[in-house]
Amino acid sequence: QVQLVQSGGGLVQAGDSLRLSCAASRRTYSTNAMAWFRQAPGKEREFAASISWIGGDTYYADSVKGRFTISRDNAKNTVYLQMNSLKPEDTAVYYCAGGPRQSNYPTAYDFWGQGTQVTVSS
């Protein structure tokens, strides 16, 4: 079993930056890929970004490309999501997830963090 513990988030104004962190209790083959998803009220959970522990390949949703950066610190088993130029439409609960391979589908991930609220005011 793998535990993912998130930190960061909060209330910011449009144009501000935030960094989310996701610490994994351990790294295994079953969590070779890490991702961030987000879910706004009344909407489905949507993919934001993903990264692999090995190689560090990254993928981004078009809605966040150029503004968000996903990164990892293998020594700390931690994945980060740096969010810049935040917009009100970025408001959502953000979840980190771990799975065997990168995908933009939430069903591909087996382990999930507890979620953290990000609210961007206009």
N, C-alpha and C. Protein backbone atom coordinates (compact mmCIF):
# COMPACT_ATOMS: atom_id res chain seq x y z
N GLN A 1 0.84 -1.19 0.00
CA GLN A 1 0.00 0.00 0.00
C GLN A 1 0.88 1.24 0.00
N VAL A 2 0.42 2.27 -0.67
CA VAL A 2 1.16 3.53 -0.76
C VAL A 2 0.26 4.64 -0.25
N GLN A 3 0.78 5.46 0.62
CA GLN A 3 0.04 6.64 1.08
C GLN A 3 0.58 7.89 0.40
N LEU A 4 -0.32 8.72 -0.03
CA LEU A 4 0.04 10.00 -0.64
C LEU A 4 -0.52 11.11 0.25
N VAL A 5 0.37 11.97 0.71
CA VAL A 5 -0.03 13.05 1.61
C VAL A 5 0.25 14.38 0.94
N GLN A 6 -0.80 15.15 0.77
CA GLN A 6 -0.70 16.42 0.08
C GLN A 6 -0.54 17.58 1.06
N SER A 7 0.08 18.65 0.57
CA SER A 7 0.17 19.89 1.32
C SER A 7 0.17 21.04 0.33
N GLY A 8 -0.12 22.23 0.85
CA GLY A 8 -0.20 23.41 -0.01
C GLY A 8 -1.65 23.76 -0.27
N GLY A 9 -1.86 24.64 -1.21
CA GLY A 9 -3.20 25.09 -1.53
C GLY A 9 -3.59 26.30 -0.71
N GLY A 10 -4.83 26.77 -0.94
CA GLY A 10 -5.32 27.92 -0.19
C GLY A 10 -6.06 28.89 -1.09
N LEU A 11 -6.22 30.10 -0.57
CA LEU A 11 -6.95 31.15 -1.28
C LEU A 11 -5.97 32.20 -1.79
N VAL A 12 -6.02 32.46 -3.10
CA VAL A 12 -5.14 33.45 -3.71
C VAL A 12 -5.95 34.30 -4.68
N GLN A 13 -5.32 35.34 -5.16
CA GLN A 13 -5.95 36.19 -6.16
C GLN A 13 -5.48 35.79 -7.56
N ALA A 14 -6.26 36.15 -8.54
CA ALA A 14 -5.90 35.88 -9.93
C ALA A 14 -4.53 36.47 -10.23
N GLY A 15 -3.71 35.66 -10.90
CA GLY A 15 -2.36 36.08 -11.23
C GLY A 15 -1.31 35.63 -10.24
N ASP A 16 -1.74 35.18 -9.07
CA ASP A 16 -0.81 34.70 -8.04
C ASP A 16 -0.31 33.30 -8.36
N SER A 17 0.60 32.83 -7.51
CA SER A 17 1.18 31.51 -7.66
C SER A 17 0.95 30.68 -6.40
N LEU A 18 0.93 29.37 -6.57
CA LEU A 18 0.85 28.43 -5.46
C LEU A 18 1.66 27.20 -5.82
N ARG A 19 2.14 26.50 -4.79
CA ARG A 19 2.80 25.23 -5.03
C ARG A 19 2.16 24.16 -4.16
N LEU A 20 1.80 23.08 -4.81
CA LEU A 20 1.26 21.92 -4.11
C LEU A 20 2.35 20.85 -4.01
N SER A 21 2.31 20.11 -2.92
CA SER A 21 3.25 19.01 -2.72
C SER A 21 2.50 17.72 -2.46
N CYS A 22 3.10 16.63 -2.86
CA CYS A 22 2.52 15.30 -2.64
C CYS A 22 3.65 14.36 -2.26
N ALA A 23 3.66 13.93 -1.01
CA ALA A 23 4.70 13.04 -0.52
C ALA A 23 4.20 11.60 -0.50
N ALA A 24 4.93 10.73 -1.17
CA ALA A 24 4.58 9.31 -1.21
C ALA A 24 5.32 8.56 -0.12
N SER A 25 4.62 7.62 0.51
CA SER A 25 5.24 6.84 1.59
C SER A 25 6.37 5.97 1.07
N ARG A 26 6.26 5.57 -0.20
CA ARG A 26 7.33 4.82 -0.86
C ARG A 26 7.07 4.84 -2.35
N ARG A 27 8.10 4.48 -3.10
CA ARG A 27 7.97 4.39 -4.55
C ARG A 27 8.04 2.93 -4.95
N THR A 28 7.08 2.52 -5.74
CA THR A 28 7.07 1.16 -6.24
C THR A 28 6.71 1.19 -7.74
N TYR A 29 6.76 0.02 -8.34
CA TYR A 29 6.37 -0.06 -9.74
C TYR A 29 4.94 0.41 -9.92
N SER A 30 4.10 0.16 -8.92
CA SER A 30 2.69 0.51 -9.04
C SER A 30 2.45 2.01 -8.97
N THR A 31 3.48 2.77 -8.63
CA THR A 31 3.33 4.23 -8.60
C THR A 31 4.45 4.88 -9.40
N ASN A 32 4.85 4.25 -10.49
CA ASN A 32 5.90 4.83 -11.32
C ASN A 32 5.46 6.17 -11.90
N ALA A 33 4.16 6.32 -12.13
CA ALA A 33 3.64 7.58 -12.66
C ALA A 33 2.87 8.31 -11.57
N MET A 34 3.10 9.59 -11.51
CA MET A 34 2.39 10.45 -10.57
C MET A 34 1.68 11.55 -11.35
N ALA A 35 0.54 11.94 -10.86
CA ALA A 35 -0.25 12.93 -11.59
C ALA A 35 -0.99 13.85 -10.63
N TRP A 36 -1.40 14.96 -11.17
CA TRP A 36 -2.30 15.86 -10.46
C TRP A 36 -3.60 15.95 -11.27
N PHE A 37 -4.70 15.78 -10.57
CA PHE A 37 -6.03 15.98 -11.12
C PHE A 37 -6.70 17.09 -10.32
N ARG A 38 -7.79 17.61 -10.87
CA ARG A 38 -8.55 18.61 -10.14
C ARG A 38 -10.03 18.41 -10.40
N GLN A 39 -10.81 18.82 -9.43
CA GLN A 39 -12.26 18.65 -9.55
C GLN A 39 -12.95 19.89 -9.01
N ALA A 40 -13.64 20.59 -9.91
CA ALA A 40 -14.42 21.76 -9.52
C ALA A 40 -15.83 21.32 -9.13
N PRO A 41 -16.54 22.11 -8.35
CA PRO A 41 -17.90 21.73 -7.94
C PRO A 41 -18.79 21.45 -9.13
N GLY A 42 -19.46 20.32 -9.10
CA GLY A 42 -20.39 19.96 -10.16
C GLY A 42 -19.74 19.46 -11.44
N LYS A 43 -18.42 19.30 -11.41
CA LYS A 43 -17.71 18.84 -12.61
C LYS A 43 -16.98 17.54 -12.34
N GLU A 44 -16.62 16.86 -13.41
CA GLU A 44 -15.87 15.63 -13.28
C GLU A 44 -14.40 15.94 -12.95
N ARG A 45 -13.75 14.96 -12.37
CA ARG A 45 -12.32 15.10 -12.09
C ARG A 45 -11.56 15.15 -13.42
N GLU A 46 -10.68 16.14 -13.54
CA GLU A 46 -9.97 16.31 -14.80
C GLU A 46 -8.46 16.30 -14.58
N PHE A 47 -7.78 15.81 -15.58
CA PHE A 47 -6.32 15.69 -15.57
C PHE A 47 -5.69 17.07 -15.68
N ALA A 48 -4.62 17.27 -14.92
CA ALA A 48 -3.85 18.52 -15.01
C ALA A 48 -2.43 18.26 -15.52
N ALA A 49 -1.73 17.32 -14.88
CA ALA A 49 -0.34 17.07 -15.26
C ALA A 49 0.10 15.72 -14.72
N SER A 50 1.12 15.15 -15.36
CA SER A 50 1.68 13.89 -14.87
C SER A 50 3.18 13.87 -15.11
N ILE A 51 3.85 12.99 -14.34
CA ILE A 51 5.29 12.85 -14.43
C ILE A 51 5.66 11.44 -14.04
N SER A 52 6.76 10.93 -14.57
CA SER A 52 7.24 9.61 -14.17
C SER A 52 8.44 9.78 -13.25
N TRP A 53 8.54 8.88 -12.25
CA TRP A 53 9.69 8.94 -11.36
C TRP A 53 10.96 8.67 -12.14
N ILE A 54 10.90 7.72 -13.07
CA ILE A 54 12.06 7.35 -13.88
C ILE A 54 11.96 8.09 -15.21
N GLY A 55 12.94 8.89 -15.52
CA GLY A 55 12.95 9.61 -16.78
C GLY A 55 12.38 11.01 -16.67
N GLY A 56 11.35 11.17 -15.83
CA GLY A 56 10.80 12.49 -15.61
C GLY A 56 9.97 13.05 -16.75
N ASP A 57 9.47 12.16 -17.63
CA ASP A 57 8.60 12.64 -18.72
C ASP A 57 7.38 13.34 -18.13
N THR A 58 7.01 14.46 -18.72
CA THR A 58 5.87 15.22 -18.22
C THR A 58 4.81 15.42 -19.30
N TYR A 59 3.57 15.48 -18.87
CA TYR A 59 2.45 15.77 -19.75
C TYR A 59 1.53 16.76 -19.05
N TYR A 60 0.91 17.62 -19.84
CA TYR A 60 0.04 18.64 -19.29
C TYR A 60 -1.27 18.73 -20.06
N ALA A 61 -2.32 19.08 -19.35
CA ALA A 61 -3.56 19.42 -20.01
C ALA A 61 -3.38 20.77 -20.70
N ASP A 62 -4.08 20.95 -21.81
CA ASP A 62 -3.97 22.22 -22.54
C ASP A 62 -4.34 23.41 -21.66
N SER A 63 -5.26 23.19 -20.75
CA SER A 63 -5.75 24.29 -19.92
C SER A 63 -4.71 24.82 -18.94
N VAL A 64 -3.67 24.04 -18.66
CA VAL A 64 -2.66 24.48 -17.70
C VAL A 64 -1.27 24.61 -18.32
N LYS A 65 -1.13 24.17 -19.55
CA LYS A 65 0.18 24.19 -20.20
C LYS A 65 0.73 25.61 -20.26
N GLY A 66 1.99 25.75 -19.89
CA GLY A 66 2.62 27.06 -19.88
C GLY A 66 2.45 27.82 -18.59
N ARG A 67 1.54 27.37 -17.72
CA ARG A 67 1.32 28.03 -16.43
C ARG A 67 1.68 27.11 -15.26
N PHE A 68 1.44 25.83 -15.39
CA PHE A 68 1.72 24.87 -14.32
C PHE A 68 2.97 24.07 -14.69
N THR A 69 3.71 23.70 -13.67
CA THR A 69 4.89 22.85 -13.85
C THR A 69 4.87 21.73 -12.82
N ILE A 70 4.93 20.50 -13.29
CA ILE A 70 5.02 19.36 -12.40
C ILE A 70 6.48 18.95 -12.30
N SER A 71 6.92 18.60 -11.11
CA SER A 71 8.31 18.18 -10.91
C SER A 71 8.34 17.15 -9.79
N ARG A 72 9.51 16.50 -9.67
CA ARG A 72 9.63 15.49 -8.61
C ARG A 72 10.99 15.59 -7.97
N ASP A 73 11.02 15.15 -6.72
CA ASP A 73 12.27 15.03 -5.97
C ASP A 73 12.35 13.57 -5.55
N ASN A 74 13.12 12.79 -6.29
CA ASN A 74 13.17 11.35 -6.02
C ASN A 74 13.70 11.04 -4.63
N ALA A 75 14.61 11.85 -4.15
CA ALA A 75 15.20 11.60 -2.83
C ALA A 75 14.16 11.77 -1.72
N LYS A 76 13.18 12.63 -1.97
CA LYS A 76 12.15 12.89 -0.96
C LYS A 76 10.84 12.18 -1.28
N ASN A 77 10.81 11.43 -2.38
CA ASN A 77 9.55 10.78 -2.81
C ASN A 77 8.41 11.78 -2.89
N THR A 78 8.70 12.95 -3.39
CA THR A 78 7.72 14.02 -3.40
C THR A 78 7.56 14.58 -4.81
N VAL A 79 6.32 14.84 -5.15
CA VAL A 79 5.97 15.46 -6.43
C VAL A 79 5.36 16.82 -6.14
N TYR A 80 5.67 17.77 -7.00
CA TYR A 80 5.19 19.13 -6.81
C TYR A 80 4.38 19.59 -8.02
N LEU A 81 3.49 20.52 -7.77
CA LEU A 81 2.79 21.20 -8.85
C LEU A 81 2.91 22.69 -8.59
N GLN A 82 3.76 23.33 -9.38
CA GLN A 82 3.91 24.78 -9.30
C GLN A 82 2.89 25.41 -10.21
N MET A 83 2.04 26.25 -9.64
CA MET A 83 0.95 26.86 -10.41
C MET A 83 1.16 28.37 -10.45
N ASN A 84 1.39 28.88 -11.63
CA ASN A 84 1.60 30.31 -11.82
C ASN A 84 0.45 30.91 -12.63
N SER A 85 0.34 32.22 -12.58
CA SER A 85 -0.69 32.93 -13.34
C SER A 85 -2.06 32.30 -13.14
N LEU A 86 -2.39 32.07 -11.89
CA LEU A 86 -3.64 31.38 -11.58
C LEU A 86 -4.85 32.20 -12.02
N LYS A 87 -5.87 31.48 -12.44
CA LYS A 87 -7.12 32.08 -12.92
C LYS A 87 -8.28 31.59 -12.05
N PRO A 88 -9.36 32.32 -12.00
CA PRO A 88 -10.52 31.85 -11.23
C PRO A 88 -10.99 30.47 -11.67
N GLU A 89 -10.85 30.16 -12.94
CA GLU A 89 -11.28 28.85 -13.42
C GLU A 89 -10.37 27.71 -12.98
N ASP A 90 -9.26 28.03 -12.33
CA ASP A 90 -8.40 27.01 -11.73
C ASP A 90 -8.92 26.57 -10.36
N THR A 91 -9.94 27.25 -9.86
CA THR A 91 -10.50 26.90 -8.57
C THR A 91 -11.05 25.48 -8.58
N ALA A 92 -10.57 24.65 -7.65
CA ALA A 92 -10.96 23.24 -7.60
C ALA A 92 -10.28 22.59 -6.40
N VAL A 93 -10.71 21.38 -6.13
CA VAL A 93 -9.96 20.53 -5.21
C VAL A 93 -8.93 19.77 -6.06
N TYR A 94 -7.69 19.85 -5.65
CA TYR A 94 -6.60 19.22 -6.39
C TYR A 94 -6.19 17.93 -5.70
N TYR A 95 -6.02 16.88 -6.49
CA TYR A 95 -5.64 15.57 -5.98
C TYR A 95 -4.37 15.10 -6.66
N CYS A 96 -3.45 14.54 -5.88
CA CYS A 96 -2.35 13.83 -6.51
C CYS A 96 -2.72 12.35 -6.58
N ALA A 97 -2.13 11.68 -7.54
CA ALA A 97 -2.46 10.28 -7.78
C ALA A 97 -1.22 9.53 -8.22
N GLY A 98 -1.17 8.23 -7.91
CA GLY A 98 -0.07 7.38 -8.31
C GLY A 98 -0.58 6.16 -9.04
N GLY A 99 0.12 5.78 -10.10
CA GLY A 99 -0.27 4.61 -10.86
C GLY A 99 0.91 4.02 -11.60
N PRO A 100 0.73 2.89 -12.26
CA PRO A 100 1.84 2.22 -12.92
C PRO A 100 2.34 2.93 -14.18
N ARG A 101 1.47 3.70 -14.82
CA ARG A 101 1.91 4.39 -16.04
C ARG A 101 1.12 5.68 -16.21
N GLN A 102 1.70 6.59 -16.94
CA GLN A 102 1.07 7.91 -17.11
C GLN A 102 -0.18 7.80 -17.97
N SER A 103 -1.18 8.52 -17.56
CA SER A 103 -2.45 8.55 -18.26
C SER A 103 -3.18 9.82 -17.84
N ASN A 104 -4.08 10.27 -18.68
CA ASN A 104 -4.91 11.41 -18.29
C ASN A 104 -6.28 10.95 -17.81
N TYR A 105 -6.43 9.65 -17.57
CA TYR A 105 -7.68 9.11 -17.04
C TYR A 105 -7.51 8.77 -15.57
N PRO A 106 -8.40 9.25 -14.72
CA PRO A 106 -8.25 8.97 -13.29
C PRO A 106 -8.33 7.49 -12.95
N THR A 107 -9.03 6.71 -13.77
CA THR A 107 -9.16 5.28 -13.48
C THR A 107 -7.83 4.54 -13.64
N ALA A 108 -6.84 5.17 -14.25
CA ALA A 108 -5.53 4.53 -14.42
C ALA A 108 -4.69 4.59 -13.16
N TYR A 109 -5.14 5.33 -12.18
CA TYR A 109 -4.36 5.54 -10.96
C TYR A 109 -5.00 4.81 -9.79
N ASP A 110 -4.17 4.17 -9.00
CA ASP A 110 -4.66 3.34 -7.91
C ASP A 110 -4.60 4.01 -6.55
N PHE A 111 -3.74 5.00 -6.43
CA PHE A 111 -3.54 5.63 -5.13
C PHE A 111 -3.80 7.13 -5.25
N TRP A 112 -4.44 7.67 -4.22
CA TRP A 112 -4.85 9.06 -4.27
C TRP A 112 -4.52 9.78 -2.97
N GLY A 113 -4.17 11.05 -3.11
CA GLY A 113 -4.01 11.89 -1.94
C GLY A 113 -5.35 12.34 -1.42
N GLN A 114 -5.32 13.08 -0.30
CA GLN A 114 -6.55 13.45 0.39
C GLN A 114 -7.27 14.63 -0.25
N GLY A 115 -6.61 15.31 -1.19
CA GLY A 115 -7.21 16.47 -1.83
C GLY A 115 -6.91 17.75 -1.07
N THR A 116 -6.76 18.83 -1.81
CA THR A 116 -6.52 20.12 -1.19
C THR A 116 -7.22 21.19 -2.01
N GLN A 117 -7.85 22.12 -1.32
CA GLN A 117 -8.63 23.16 -2.00
C GLN A 117 -7.72 24.28 -2.49
N VAL A 118 -7.94 24.65 -3.74
CA VAL A 118 -7.30 25.84 -4.31
C VAL A 118 -8.43 26.76 -4.77
N THR A 119 -8.44 27.97 -4.25
CA THR A 119 -9.46 28.93 -4.61
C THR A 119 -8.79 30.19 -5.15
N VAL A 120 -9.18 30.59 -6.35
CA VAL A 120 -8.59 31.76 -6.99
C VAL A 120 -9.69 32.81 -7.15
N SER A 121 -9.51 33.92 -6.49
CA SER A 121 -10.50 35.00 -6.58
C SER A 121 -10.14 35.97 -7.69
N SER A 122 -11.15 36.57 -8.27
CA SER A 122 -10.92 37.49 -9.39
C SER A 122 -10.69 38.91 -8.90
